[in-house]
Amino acid sequence: MLLCSAIPDYPLAVAARSQSQDDAPVIVSDRYDRGHVIACDRRAREYGARIGQTTTQAVAAAPQARVLVYDPLEGTQLWSDMLDALDAVTPLIDDAAPGIAYLDMRGIEGDPAAWMQRTRDALARFGMPLRIGVGPNKICAYAATWIADGTIVELKREQAALAPLSLEALNLDGNTLQRLRLLGVSTLGQLAQLPHGPFVRRFGRDAKRWHEFARGIDRTPFVPRGHALAIEAALFGEGHAEEEAQVLFALRVLLARVCGDLERCGQRAGTLRLEVELDNGDTAAFDVGLAVPTADERSMLDVLRAKLDGMTFAAPLIGLRVRALRLEEGGEELALFSGDDIDDQSVAVTLARLEGVLGEPVLRAKTQHAHPIEERFTYEPFALPKRQHLAVDVPLPAAMVPQLRLLTVREIDVRVQRGEPAFVGSPPQAVLECAGPWRVEEAWFTTPVVRDEYDVLLEDGELYRIYRQGTRWYLRGAYD
């Protein structure tokens, strides 16, 4: 059984925690100037305030409301303290989101009533509005907090227990909620009664998960929260550095302390965070990635030195802090025959120098599966893949994948049979195989564009991408 500890409207609860209580409606904004609403209480919603509105719009709808600003640093630290307190209930905690935690109660002494009481006792000192539920999986435990505080959803009665709940329990976006309500679906029970296949085809891949949630099925894995280990060293208030040699000496001292702590804990750092404080009061922080997780002082110094090459500061340095991040267990992997291996350390130093010159992270392009052409690539931080020194199975070369070559869009003749293209072009050629349709919605134009795309193999052996927009057909590209 899983126990769900939920704080409804977490940003609202955090923002109102230190404020005096009164009868005015409450609106929570993400910042003071030109902010947007991230939470509001029931009374503000009754006046017309909504999440996502600008603060000005929400105040115009609810002029009697009191506007509070959410401090994300305070919220993160408070939630971290609450998770630490829950360790007294069970060591297995899944931090799903700020304000929502799942506790694995297998092997914990007592019954659900006793578990819930221990959870209340552990979190009582924080003074936050708390709702607790128990169920056989995540969605059931979370739904139990919606039904009523202290609810237990029994095994094999999941769908019946969730049926009366509103669709809002699934945290769906506003457009999806509106579409479902137009179909007469407003509860999880009504959603569960919809035929699975047609519902998924109409609402997309995520609809499969929503339909399973409505029936009390949740295949989401339980991911226990890791416990943070802070390893850092700092030099503050011990003079100031105006020359590069002074900074490097201070870095050597700090890295010696950090690497000593790493070795005593049996850890290796994958990233270093360097924080500097200047004589004029300014501060700056840099995250420097290491080629492989290490506790070697020389490797760390080379990368930090390359990162600082070419950088200038407006005033002398009066403080430095080096923090080890992305800690991993164990030692460093070494190859038996490494003559032809890439020198990971040299690559890391080169990347650090490039980032120091460019002033931005080094990225690389990566292809991804997507039907719209514009979404077939993305950018990600460059990182060396982990080497497999003892690889036994040698993968076979991948089959050649045809590449789509975009052509000038032009209208073409298409004859349809049984809902699919059967003949394409003039003179018409028979379609031997057809894949699709794939719905593409481009809503960033003033008038939304909706089209259905197909891949068709013609009798002459050519493979084309075509699409239908309205009642007309167009040629999009050809595969090489």
Protein backbone atom coordinates (compact mmCIF):
# COMPACT_ATOMS: atom_id res chain seq x y z
CA MET A 1 0.00 0.00 0.00
CA LEU A 2 1.10 3.55 -0.76
CA LEU A 3 0.35 6.57 1.42
CA CYS A 4 -0.05 9.95 -0.28
CA SER A 5 0.70 13.11 1.67
CA ALA A 6 -0.72 16.09 -0.23
CA ILE A 7 -0.85 19.81 0.50
CA PRO A 8 -3.59 21.29 -1.70
CA ASP A 9 -2.51 24.39 -3.63
CA TYR A 10 1.05 24.21 -2.31
CA PRO A 11 2.15 27.69 -3.54
CA LEU A 12 -0.97 29.16 -1.90
CA ALA A 13 -0.24 27.39 1.37
CA VAL A 14 3.40 28.55 1.38
CA ALA A 15 2.59 32.15 0.51
CA ALA A 16 -0.19 32.39 3.11
CA ARG A 17 1.85 30.62 5.80
CA SER A 18 3.44 33.77 7.21
CA GLN A 19 0.53 36.12 6.45
CA SER A 20 -2.16 37.23 8.85
CA GLN A 21 -5.47 35.47 8.31
CA ASP A 22 -8.46 37.51 7.20
CA ASP A 23 -11.64 37.02 5.17
CA ALA A 24 -10.28 38.46 1.91
CA PRO A 25 -9.84 36.17 -1.12
CA VAL A 26 -6.20 35.30 -1.88
CA ILE A 27 -4.36 35.39 -5.21
CA VAL A 28 -0.77 34.11 -5.47
CA SER A 29 1.49 35.56 -8.17
CA ASP A 30 4.91 34.40 -9.35
CA ARG A 31 6.48 37.87 -9.00
CA TYR A 32 5.76 41.44 -7.96
CA ASP A 33 5.81 43.19 -11.35
CA ARG A 34 3.98 41.87 -14.41
CA GLY A 35 3.43 38.53 -12.76
CA HIS A 36 0.99 35.73 -13.50
CA VAL A 37 -1.36 33.87 -11.18
CA ILE A 38 -0.04 30.47 -10.07
CA ALA A 39 -2.67 29.78 -7.37
CA CYS A 40 -5.86 31.24 -5.93
CA ASP A 41 -8.30 30.16 -3.26
CA ARG A 42 -11.93 29.15 -3.75
CA ARG A 43 -13.33 32.63 -3.07
CA ALA A 44 -11.04 34.24 -5.64
CA ARG A 45 -12.09 31.62 -8.20
CA GLU A 46 -15.73 32.38 -7.51
CA TYR A 47 -15.07 36.01 -8.43
CA GLY A 48 -13.45 34.93 -11.71
CA ALA A 49 -9.70 34.77 -10.95
CA ARG A 50 -7.95 31.91 -12.78
CA ILE A 51 -4.49 30.35 -12.83
CA GLY A 52 -2.51 31.65 -15.81
CA GLN A 53 -4.07 35.12 -15.80
CA THR A 54 -1.87 38.14 -15.33
CA THR A 55 -2.04 39.57 -11.84
CA THR A 56 -3.76 42.65 -13.24
CA GLN A 57 -6.50 40.53 -14.85
CA ALA A 58 -7.04 38.53 -11.67
CA VAL A 59 -7.27 41.67 -9.51
CA ALA A 60 -9.75 43.18 -11.97
CA ALA A 61 -11.91 40.04 -11.61
CA ALA A 62 -11.56 39.93 -7.82
CA PRO A 63 -10.82 43.48 -6.59
CA GLN A 64 -11.33 42.44 -2.95
CA ALA A 65 -8.55 39.85 -3.18
CA ARG A 66 -5.22 40.04 -1.38
CA VAL A 67 -2.22 39.44 -3.69
CA LEU A 68 0.68 37.39 -2.32
CA VAL A 69 3.97 36.57 -4.09
CA TYR A 70 5.30 33.02 -4.01
CA ASP A 71 8.97 32.67 -3.08
CA PRO A 72 10.25 29.54 -4.92
CA LEU A 73 13.38 29.32 -2.73
CA GLU A 74 11.28 29.31 0.42
CA GLY A 75 8.90 26.77 -1.11
CA THR A 76 11.71 24.43 -2.16
CA GLN A 77 13.47 24.59 1.20
CA LEU A 78 10.23 24.09 3.13
CA TRP A 79 9.27 21.06 1.05
CA SER A 80 12.76 19.59 1.48
CA ASP A 81 12.42 19.97 5.26
CA MET A 82 9.02 18.25 5.16
CA LEU A 83 10.43 15.33 3.16
CA ASP A 84 13.22 14.98 5.71
CA ALA A 85 10.59 14.86 8.44
CA LEU A 86 8.74 12.08 6.61
CA ASP A 87 11.85 9.90 6.91
CA ALA A 88 10.60 9.17 10.43
CA VAL A 89 7.58 7.39 8.88
CA THR A 90 9.37 5.41 6.12
CA PRO A 91 12.71 5.69 4.33
CA LEU A 92 11.06 5.06 0.92
CA ILE A 93 9.60 8.39 -0.26
CA ASP A 94 8.75 9.35 -3.84
CA ASP A 95 8.94 13.14 -4.25
CA ALA A 96 6.33 13.52 -7.02
CA ALA A 97 6.04 17.32 -6.91
CA PRO A 98 6.23 20.14 -4.35
CA GLY A 99 3.32 19.39 -2.04
CA ILE A 100 2.80 15.75 -3.13
CA ALA A 101 4.78 12.79 -1.76
CA TYR A 102 4.16 9.05 -1.89
CA LEU A 103 5.31 6.79 0.94
CA ASP A 104 5.90 3.05 0.43
CA MET A 105 4.51 1.42 3.57
CA ARG A 106 5.50 -2.19 2.86
CA GLY A 107 7.07 -3.68 5.98
CA ILE A 108 6.11 -0.70 8.17
CA GLU A 109 4.49 -1.72 11.41
CA GLY A 110 0.83 -0.84 11.96
CA ASP A 111 -2.31 -0.37 9.86
CA PRO A 112 -3.28 2.52 7.52
CA ALA A 113 -4.85 4.47 10.38
CA ALA A 114 -1.61 4.27 12.37
CA TRP A 115 0.47 5.24 9.31
CA MET A 116 -1.64 8.33 8.71
CA GLN A 117 -1.38 9.40 12.35
CA ARG A 118 2.42 9.09 12.26
CA THR A 119 2.49 11.20 9.11
CA ARG A 120 0.39 13.92 10.76
CA ASP A 121 2.65 13.90 13.81
CA ALA A 122 5.78 14.18 11.66
CA LEU A 123 4.43 17.20 9.72
CA ALA A 124 2.49 18.91 12.51
CA ARG A 125 5.23 21.43 13.31
CA PHE A 126 5.05 22.93 9.79
CA GLY A 127 1.46 24.12 10.20
CA MET A 128 0.47 23.32 6.61
CA PRO A 129 -3.00 22.14 5.47
CA LEU A 130 -2.53 18.40 5.01
CA ARG A 131 -4.61 15.71 3.31
CA ILE A 132 -3.62 12.06 3.55
CA GLY A 133 -4.89 9.05 1.61
CA VAL A 134 -3.94 5.40 1.21
CA GLY A 135 -4.33 3.19 -1.86
CA PRO A 136 -2.78 0.25 -3.74
CA ASN A 137 -1.04 2.55 -6.28
CA LYS A 138 -0.21 6.20 -6.84
CA ILE A 139 -3.39 7.35 -8.55
CA CYS A 140 -5.59 5.65 -5.94
CA ALA A 141 -3.62 7.10 -3.03
CA TYR A 142 -3.72 10.56 -4.61
CA ALA A 143 -7.43 10.26 -5.42
CA ALA A 144 -8.07 9.28 -1.79
CA THR A 145 -6.88 12.73 -0.75
CA TRP A 146 -9.50 14.22 -3.10
CA ILE A 147 -12.31 12.08 -1.73
CA ALA A 148 -11.70 13.09 1.89
CA ASP A 149 -8.80 13.43 4.29
CA GLY A 150 -7.99 10.02 5.75
CA THR A 151 -9.68 7.98 2.97
CA ILE A 152 -8.48 4.45 2.19
CA VAL A 153 -9.08 3.04 -1.31
CA GLU A 154 -9.36 -0.73 -1.00
CA LEU A 155 -7.78 -3.19 -3.41
CA LYS A 156 -10.17 -4.37 -6.20
CA ARG A 157 -12.51 -1.43 -5.52
CA GLU A 158 -10.36 1.20 -7.23
CA GLN A 159 -12.66 2.11 -10.13
CA ALA A 160 -15.77 2.36 -7.94
CA ALA A 161 -13.96 4.62 -5.46
CA LEU A 162 -12.61 6.97 -8.16
CA ALA A 163 -15.81 7.14 -10.26
CA PRO A 164 -17.46 10.17 -8.52
CA LEU A 165 -14.34 12.35 -8.70
CA SER A 166 -14.11 15.33 -11.06
CA LEU A 167 -11.75 15.26 -14.05
CA GLU A 168 -9.70 17.95 -12.30
CA ALA A 169 -8.18 15.17 -10.19
CA LEU A 170 -6.14 14.19 -13.27
CA ASN A 171 -4.58 17.69 -13.56
CA LEU A 172 -5.58 17.98 -17.22
CA ASP A 173 -5.05 21.21 -19.14
CA GLY A 174 -7.99 23.55 -19.68
CA ASN A 175 -8.46 22.76 -23.37
CA THR A 176 -8.69 19.02 -22.74
CA LEU A 177 -11.15 19.53 -19.89
CA GLN A 178 -13.33 21.69 -22.12
CA ARG A 179 -13.29 19.12 -24.94
CA LEU A 180 -14.26 16.31 -22.58
CA ARG A 181 -17.05 18.33 -21.03
CA LEU A 182 -18.45 19.08 -24.48
CA LEU A 183 -18.72 15.29 -24.87
CA GLY A 184 -20.63 15.10 -21.60
CA VAL A 185 -17.69 13.70 -19.61
CA SER A 186 -17.12 15.42 -16.28
CA THR A 187 -16.20 12.60 -13.84
CA LEU A 188 -13.67 9.78 -13.79
CA GLY A 189 -16.50 7.26 -13.89
CA GLN A 190 -17.83 8.70 -17.15
CA LEU A 191 -14.29 8.76 -18.57
CA ALA A 192 -13.77 5.10 -17.64
CA GLN A 193 -16.92 4.14 -19.59
CA LEU A 194 -15.57 5.52 -22.89
CA PRO A 195 -14.24 2.93 -25.36
CA HIS A 196 -10.47 2.80 -24.95
CA GLY A 197 -9.34 2.67 -28.60
CA PRO A 198 -11.44 5.49 -30.07
CA PHE A 199 -10.75 7.69 -27.04
CA VAL A 200 -6.96 7.28 -27.39
CA ARG A 201 -7.04 7.88 -31.15
CA ARG A 202 -9.00 11.09 -30.67
CA PHE A 203 -7.10 12.57 -27.72
CA GLY A 204 -3.57 11.31 -28.36
CA ARG A 205 -0.96 9.22 -26.59
CA ASP A 206 -1.52 10.70 -23.10
CA ALA A 207 -5.19 9.65 -23.25
CA LYS A 208 -4.14 6.03 -22.68
CA ARG A 209 -2.77 6.99 -19.28
CA TRP A 210 -5.84 9.11 -18.41
CA HIS A 211 -8.17 6.24 -19.27
CA GLU A 212 -6.19 3.86 -17.08
CA PHE A 213 -6.15 6.36 -14.22
CA ALA A 214 -9.94 6.66 -14.41
CA ARG A 215 -10.16 2.88 -13.92
CA GLY A 216 -7.76 2.94 -10.97
CA ILE A 217 -4.79 1.57 -12.94
CA ASP A 218 -1.42 3.28 -12.51
CA ARG A 219 1.76 1.84 -14.01
CA THR A 220 3.94 4.76 -12.90
CA PRO A 221 7.01 3.38 -11.12
CA PHE A 222 7.82 4.30 -7.54
CA VAL A 223 11.09 6.26 -7.52
CA PRO A 224 12.55 6.63 -4.01
CA ARG A 225 13.95 10.01 -3.15
CA GLY A 226 17.71 10.24 -2.92
CA HIS A 227 19.36 11.75 0.11
CA ALA A 228 21.61 14.71 -0.59
CA LEU A 229 25.21 14.77 0.59
CA ALA A 230 26.74 18.26 0.58
CA ILE A 231 30.47 18.32 -0.12
CA GLU A 232 31.92 21.79 -0.47
CA ALA A 233 34.73 24.06 0.65
CA ALA A 234 34.82 27.86 0.89
CA LEU A 235 37.22 30.72 1.49
CA PHE A 236 35.53 33.96 2.53
CA GLY A 237 36.83 36.98 4.37
CA GLU A 238 40.48 35.92 4.12
CA GLY A 239 41.76 38.75 1.91
CA HIS A 240 41.19 39.40 -1.78
CA ALA A 241 42.70 38.18 -5.06
CA GLU A 242 43.56 40.46 -7.96
CA GLU A 243 45.87 38.17 -9.95
CA GLU A 244 45.28 34.83 -11.65
CA ALA A 245 47.99 33.07 -9.60
CA GLN A 246 46.22 33.99 -6.36
CA VAL A 247 42.91 32.59 -7.62
CA LEU A 248 44.53 29.33 -8.77
CA PHE A 249 46.24 28.91 -5.41
CA ALA A 250 42.92 29.38 -3.62
CA LEU A 251 41.27 26.85 -5.97
CA ARG A 252 43.99 24.29 -5.21
CA VAL A 253 43.35 24.69 -1.49
CA LEU A 254 39.58 24.30 -1.90
CA LEU A 255 39.84 21.35 -4.28
CA ALA A 256 42.19 19.55 -1.90
CA ARG A 257 39.52 19.81 0.82
CA VAL A 258 36.71 18.72 -1.53
CA CYS A 259 38.63 15.74 -2.91
CA GLY A 260 39.59 14.66 0.59
CA ASP A 261 35.92 14.64 1.62
CA LEU A 262 34.96 12.75 -1.55
CA GLU A 263 37.53 10.02 -0.90
CA ARG A 264 36.47 9.61 2.72
CA CYS A 265 32.83 9.19 1.59
CA GLY A 266 33.74 6.89 -1.32
CA GLN A 267 32.14 9.32 -3.78
CA ARG A 268 33.02 10.85 -7.15
CA ALA A 269 31.79 14.21 -8.46
CA GLY A 270 30.36 14.61 -11.96
CA THR A 271 29.97 18.42 -11.80
CA LEU A 272 31.61 21.26 -9.88
CA ARG A 273 29.84 24.48 -8.95
CA LEU A 274 32.14 27.47 -8.52
CA GLU A 275 30.70 30.46 -6.66
CA VAL A 276 32.63 33.73 -6.47
CA GLU A 277 32.06 36.88 -4.44
CA LEU A 278 33.56 40.19 -5.54
CA ASP A 279 34.79 43.17 -3.56
CA ASN A 280 31.92 45.31 -4.92
CA GLY A 281 29.28 42.95 -3.56
CA ASP A 282 28.50 41.11 -6.82
CA THR A 283 28.29 37.31 -6.91
CA ALA A 284 28.42 34.75 -9.71
CA ALA A 285 28.10 30.97 -9.99
CA PHE A 286 29.27 28.55 -12.70
CA ASP A 287 28.51 24.85 -13.18
CA VAL A 288 31.45 23.01 -14.73
CA GLY A 289 30.89 19.47 -16.01
CA LEU A 290 33.63 16.87 -15.64
CA ALA A 291 34.35 14.31 -18.37
CA VAL A 292 33.83 11.39 -16.00
CA PRO A 293 32.89 11.41 -12.29
CA THR A 294 36.17 11.78 -10.42
CA ALA A 295 37.80 12.71 -7.12
CA ASP A 296 41.12 13.65 -8.74
CA GLU A 297 42.26 17.12 -7.71
CA ARG A 298 44.42 17.70 -10.81
CA SER A 299 41.58 16.86 -13.23
CA MET A 300 39.21 19.22 -11.45
CA LEU A 301 41.75 22.04 -11.42
CA ASP A 302 42.43 21.71 -15.16
CA VAL A 303 38.75 22.01 -15.99
CA LEU A 304 38.13 24.94 -13.63
CA ARG A 305 41.21 26.74 -14.94
CA ALA A 306 40.03 26.30 -18.53
CA LYS A 307 36.60 27.62 -17.56
CA LEU A 308 38.13 30.77 -16.04
CA ASP A 309 40.51 31.44 -18.95
CA GLY A 310 39.57 34.70 -20.60
CA MET A 311 37.01 35.66 -17.96
CA THR A 312 37.27 39.07 -16.32
CA PHE A 313 35.61 40.38 -13.17
CA ALA A 314 34.65 43.94 -12.32
CA ALA A 315 36.36 43.82 -8.92
CA PRO A 316 38.87 41.71 -6.92
CA LEU A 317 37.65 38.35 -5.61
CA ILE A 318 37.10 38.18 -1.87
CA GLY A 319 35.38 34.79 -1.65
CA LEU A 320 35.34 31.41 -3.37
CA ARG A 321 33.22 28.31 -2.84
CA VAL A 322 33.61 25.00 -4.67
CA ARG A 323 30.77 22.49 -4.40
CA ALA A 324 30.73 18.90 -5.68
CA LEU A 325 27.51 17.90 -7.47
CA ARG A 326 26.16 14.77 -9.21
CA LEU A 327 27.84 12.47 -6.71
CA GLU A 328 28.27 8.83 -7.67
CA GLU A 329 29.44 5.74 -5.81
CA GLY A 330 32.62 3.84 -6.61
CA GLY A 331 35.81 4.49 -8.46
CA GLU A 332 36.72 5.49 -11.98
CA GLU A 333 36.48 3.04 -14.89
CA LEU A 334 39.78 2.35 -16.62
CA ALA A 335 40.31 0.47 -19.88
CA LEU A 336 42.89 -2.32 -20.09
CA PHE A 337 44.02 -1.18 -23.58
CA SER A 338 43.33 2.53 -23.85
CA GLY A 339 45.66 3.61 -26.64
CA ASP A 340 42.85 4.34 -29.09
CA ASP A 341 40.35 5.67 -26.52
CA ILE A 342 39.24 9.28 -26.50
CA ASP A 343 40.91 11.30 -23.74
CA ASP A 344 37.84 12.33 -21.76
CA GLN A 345 39.79 14.83 -19.68
CA SER A 346 41.11 16.65 -22.77
CA VAL A 347 37.59 16.86 -24.18
CA ALA A 348 36.27 18.27 -20.89
CA VAL A 349 39.01 20.92 -20.76
CA THR A 350 38.34 21.89 -24.39
CA LEU A 351 34.60 22.22 -23.73
CA ALA A 352 35.26 24.35 -20.67
CA ARG A 353 37.49 26.68 -22.74
CA LEU A 354 34.86 26.96 -25.47
CA GLU A 355 32.19 27.81 -22.92
CA GLY A 356 34.49 30.39 -21.35
CA VAL A 357 35.02 32.08 -24.73
CA LEU A 358 31.43 31.81 -25.98
CA GLY A 359 29.80 32.60 -22.66
CA GLU A 360 27.18 29.87 -23.16
CA PRO A 361 26.97 26.06 -22.93
CA VAL A 362 28.18 23.93 -25.83
CA LEU A 363 25.21 22.15 -27.42
CA ARG A 364 24.80 19.49 -30.08
CA ALA A 365 21.89 18.73 -32.38
CA LYS A 366 19.90 15.55 -31.80
CA THR A 367 17.20 14.06 -33.97
CA GLN A 368 13.96 12.85 -32.45
CA HIS A 369 10.83 11.08 -33.63
CA ALA A 370 8.15 13.54 -34.74
CA HIS A 371 5.86 13.76 -37.72
CA PRO A 372 6.01 17.56 -38.19
CA ILE A 373 9.29 18.39 -39.93
CA GLU A 374 9.92 21.35 -37.65
CA GLU A 375 9.99 19.14 -34.53
CA ARG A 376 12.43 16.47 -35.77
CA PHE A 377 15.52 17.92 -34.08
CA THR A 378 16.42 19.49 -30.76
CA TYR A 379 19.55 20.67 -28.95
CA GLU A 380 21.04 19.15 -25.82
CA PRO A 381 24.19 19.76 -23.73
CA PHE A 382 27.21 17.99 -25.21
CA ALA A 383 28.43 15.05 -23.13
CA LEU A 384 30.67 12.12 -23.92
CA PRO A 385 28.88 8.74 -23.87
CA LYS A 386 29.98 6.30 -21.21
CA ARG A 387 32.46 3.76 -22.51
CA GLN A 388 31.69 0.06 -22.38
CA HIS A 389 35.05 -1.57 -21.72
CA LEU A 390 33.78 -5.13 -21.53
CA ALA A 391 31.17 -5.13 -24.27
CA VAL A 392 30.50 -8.69 -25.38
CA ASP A 393 27.69 -8.30 -27.88
CA VAL A 394 28.70 -6.21 -30.88
CA PRO A 395 25.60 -4.46 -32.22
CA LEU A 396 24.82 -4.90 -35.88
CA PRO A 397 24.86 -1.78 -38.07
CA ALA A 398 21.49 -0.08 -38.20
CA ALA A 399 19.44 -0.36 -41.36
CA MET A 400 19.46 2.63 -43.66
CA VAL A 401 16.56 4.98 -42.93
CA PRO A 402 15.15 6.96 -45.88
CA GLN A 403 15.61 10.70 -45.43
CA LEU A 404 12.77 13.08 -46.22
CA ARG A 405 13.69 15.79 -48.74
CA LEU A 406 11.37 18.78 -48.66
CA LEU A 407 9.96 19.93 -52.00
CA THR A 408 8.17 23.08 -53.04
CA VAL A 409 4.62 22.59 -51.81
CA ARG A 410 2.20 22.16 -54.69
CA GLU A 411 -1.33 20.89 -55.07
CA ILE A 412 -1.77 17.37 -56.48
CA ASP A 413 -4.66 15.11 -57.51
CA VAL A 414 -5.54 12.32 -55.08
CA ARG A 415 -8.34 9.76 -55.30
CA VAL A 416 -9.48 8.28 -51.99
CA GLN A 417 -10.87 4.81 -51.39
CA ARG A 418 -12.02 3.54 -47.98
CA GLY A 419 -10.70 6.70 -46.34
CA GLU A 420 -7.12 6.39 -47.65
CA PRO A 421 -5.26 7.68 -50.74
CA ALA A 422 -5.58 5.08 -53.52
CA PHE A 423 -4.27 6.97 -56.59
CA VAL A 424 -1.86 9.94 -56.60
CA GLY A 425 -0.75 12.35 -59.32
CA SER A 426 -1.53 13.04 -62.97
CA PRO A 427 -1.55 10.60 -64.64
CA PRO A 428 -2.67 8.70 -61.53
CA GLN A 429 -0.38 6.07 -60.00
CA ALA A 430 -1.69 3.38 -57.69
CA VAL A 431 -0.71 3.51 -54.01
CA LEU A 432 0.94 0.22 -53.01
CA GLU A 433 1.33 1.07 -49.29
CA CYS A 434 0.03 3.93 -47.17
CA ALA A 435 1.00 5.02 -43.64
CA GLY A 436 -0.94 7.62 -41.66
CA PRO A 437 -2.77 9.83 -41.16
CA TRP A 438 -0.81 11.96 -38.71
CA ARG A 439 -2.69 15.00 -37.49
CA VAL A 440 -0.60 18.18 -37.45
CA GLU A 441 -2.03 21.24 -35.71
CA GLU A 442 -0.09 24.48 -36.11
CA ALA A 443 -1.84 26.88 -33.77
CA TRP A 444 0.69 29.72 -33.68
CA PHE A 445 -0.85 31.36 -36.75
CA THR A 446 -3.74 33.81 -36.50
CA THR A 447 -5.90 31.15 -38.16
CA PRO A 448 -4.99 27.65 -36.90
CA VAL A 449 -3.82 25.24 -39.62
CA VAL A 450 -4.87 21.60 -39.31
CA ARG A 451 -3.75 18.94 -41.77
CA ASP A 452 -3.44 15.14 -42.06
CA GLU A 453 -0.14 13.81 -43.43
CA TYR A 454 0.46 10.46 -45.17
CA ASP A 455 3.45 8.55 -46.49
CA VAL A 456 2.57 6.77 -49.75
CA LEU A 457 4.56 4.24 -51.80
CA LEU A 458 3.59 4.48 -55.47
CA GLU A 459 3.77 1.80 -58.15
CA ASP A 460 6.85 3.38 -59.72
CA GLY A 461 8.76 2.81 -56.47
CA GLU A 462 8.79 6.42 -55.27
CA LEU A 463 7.95 7.22 -51.64
CA TYR A 464 6.28 10.59 -50.99
CA ARG A 465 4.94 12.60 -48.06
CA ILE A 466 1.54 14.14 -48.95
CA TYR A 467 -1.06 15.87 -46.84
CA ARG A 468 -4.69 16.86 -46.93
CA GLN A 469 -5.78 20.29 -45.77
CA GLY A 470 -9.50 20.80 -45.96
CA THR A 471 -10.61 19.19 -49.20
CA ARG A 472 -7.33 19.69 -51.09
CA TRP A 473 -4.21 17.54 -51.31
CA TYR A 474 -0.61 18.76 -51.46
CA LEU A 475 2.86 17.25 -52.02
CA ARG A 476 5.14 17.85 -49.04
CA GLY A 477 8.36 15.96 -49.86
CA ALA A 478 10.05 12.84 -51.23
CA TYR A 479 12.12 10.18 -49.47
CA ASP A 480 15.68 9.51 -50.74
